[in-house]
Amino acid sequence: MKELSDKNYDYYTIFAQANSVQFKASPDNKNLQKHHIDQIVLVNAGDLKSVDFACYFGPDSLVPFPLFPQYNDTLNALIIKPR
C-alpha cells in the first residue's frame, strides 16, 4: 500500500447539496492510494440534527448500502459512518 508521504495523491471533487454528498475522482488520478473513507463529517450542521438515514450508491450500482448518521452536539457536526 502506498503511503500519503509518497506524494502519490489522488484528487476528488466533493459536491455537497441538499440531501446528497457526491465524490468524483479526478480524471488524472492513477488510483495509487488504496484506501477507503471511514467517515464523512459535515460541519456547521445544525440543520441536520434530525437526519436518521444515509446510504451509499456505488459507481456501478443502484443498490443502496446503508450508512449510519449520528449528530454530535458538541461539534455541531453530522458524522456518517458505515456499520
Protein backbone atom coordinates (compact mmCIF):
# COMPACT_ATOMS: atom_id res chain seq x y z
CA MET A 1 0.00 0.00 0.00
CA LYS A 2 1.30 3.44 -0.89
CA GLU A 3 1.56 5.98 1.88
CA LEU A 4 0.46 9.59 1.59
CA SER A 5 4.06 10.57 2.29
CA ASP A 6 4.94 9.10 -1.14
CA LYS A 7 3.16 12.15 -2.59
CA ASN A 8 1.17 9.87 -4.89
CA TYR A 9 -2.07 11.67 -4.23
CA ASP A 10 -5.48 11.01 -5.70
CA TYR A 11 -7.76 14.01 -6.08
CA TYR A 12 -11.52 14.23 -5.72
CA THR A 13 -14.13 16.90 -6.18
CA ILE A 14 -16.76 16.82 -3.42
CA PHE A 15 -20.25 18.13 -4.07
CA ALA A 16 -22.46 18.75 -1.03
CA GLN A 17 -26.03 19.75 -1.75
CA ALA A 18 -29.49 19.22 -0.36
CA ASN A 19 -29.81 15.55 0.62
CA SER A 20 -26.60 14.32 -1.01
CA VAL A 21 -22.81 14.32 -0.94
CA GLN A 22 -21.08 13.20 -4.12
CA PHE A 23 -17.42 12.31 -4.66
CA LYS A 24 -15.99 12.49 -8.16
CA ALA A 25 -12.46 11.30 -8.86
CA SER A 26 -10.24 13.48 -10.98
CA PRO A 27 -9.64 12.04 -14.47
CA ASP A 28 -5.90 12.38 -13.76
CA ASN A 29 -6.00 10.00 -10.78
CA LYS A 30 -3.76 7.00 -11.07
CA ASN A 31 -5.56 5.13 -8.26
CA LEU A 32 -2.31 4.87 -6.33
CA GLN A 33 -3.97 5.25 -2.94
CA LYS A 34 -5.66 2.01 -1.97
CA HIS A 35 -7.72 3.32 0.90
CA HIS A 36 -11.32 3.82 1.87
CA ILE A 37 -13.24 6.60 3.51
CA ASP A 38 -14.08 5.56 7.06
CA GLN A 39 -16.36 8.50 7.84
CA ILE A 40 -17.77 11.73 6.46
CA VAL A 41 -18.06 14.69 8.83
CA LEU A 42 -20.37 17.52 7.82
CA VAL A 43 -19.59 20.55 9.99
CA ASN A 44 -21.80 23.51 10.82
CA ALA A 45 -24.65 21.03 10.50
CA GLY A 46 -27.22 22.26 13.00
CA ASP A 47 -29.90 21.96 10.33
CA LEU A 48 -29.09 18.23 10.02
CA LYS A 49 -29.78 17.27 13.66
CA SER A 50 -32.80 15.17 12.72
CA VAL A 51 -31.10 13.15 9.95
CA ASP A 52 -31.53 9.47 10.76
CA PHE A 53 -30.88 7.80 7.41
CA ALA A 54 -27.98 7.74 4.96
CA CYS A 55 -26.92 5.38 2.20
CA TYR A 56 -24.21 4.91 -0.39
CA PHE A 57 -24.58 4.04 -4.06
CA GLY A 58 -21.52 2.61 -5.74
CA PRO A 59 -20.43 3.94 -9.12
CA ASP A 60 -21.90 0.96 -10.97
CA SER A 61 -24.90 0.07 -8.84
CA LEU A 62 -28.30 1.39 -7.85
CA VAL A 63 -28.43 -0.88 -4.81
CA PRO A 64 -28.22 1.26 -1.64
CA PHE A 65 -25.67 0.38 1.04
CA PRO A 66 -26.86 1.67 4.43
CA LEU A 67 -24.75 4.14 6.40
CA PHE A 68 -25.29 5.40 9.92
CA PRO A 69 -25.53 9.14 10.57
CA GLN A 70 -25.08 10.46 14.09
CA TYR A 71 -25.31 14.11 15.09
CA ASN A 72 -22.70 15.41 17.55
CA ASP A 73 -24.00 18.42 19.53
CA THR A 74 -20.56 19.37 20.85
CA LEU A 75 -19.05 19.59 17.37
CA ASN A 76 -22.26 20.78 15.67
CA ALA A 77 -21.47 18.08 13.10
CA LEU A 78 -23.19 15.19 11.41
CA ILE A 79 -20.91 12.14 11.30
CA ILE A 80 -21.75 9.45 8.74
CA LYS A 81 -20.12 6.02 9.06
CA PRO A 82 -20.61 2.53 7.69
CA ARG A 83 -21.63 -0.27 10.05
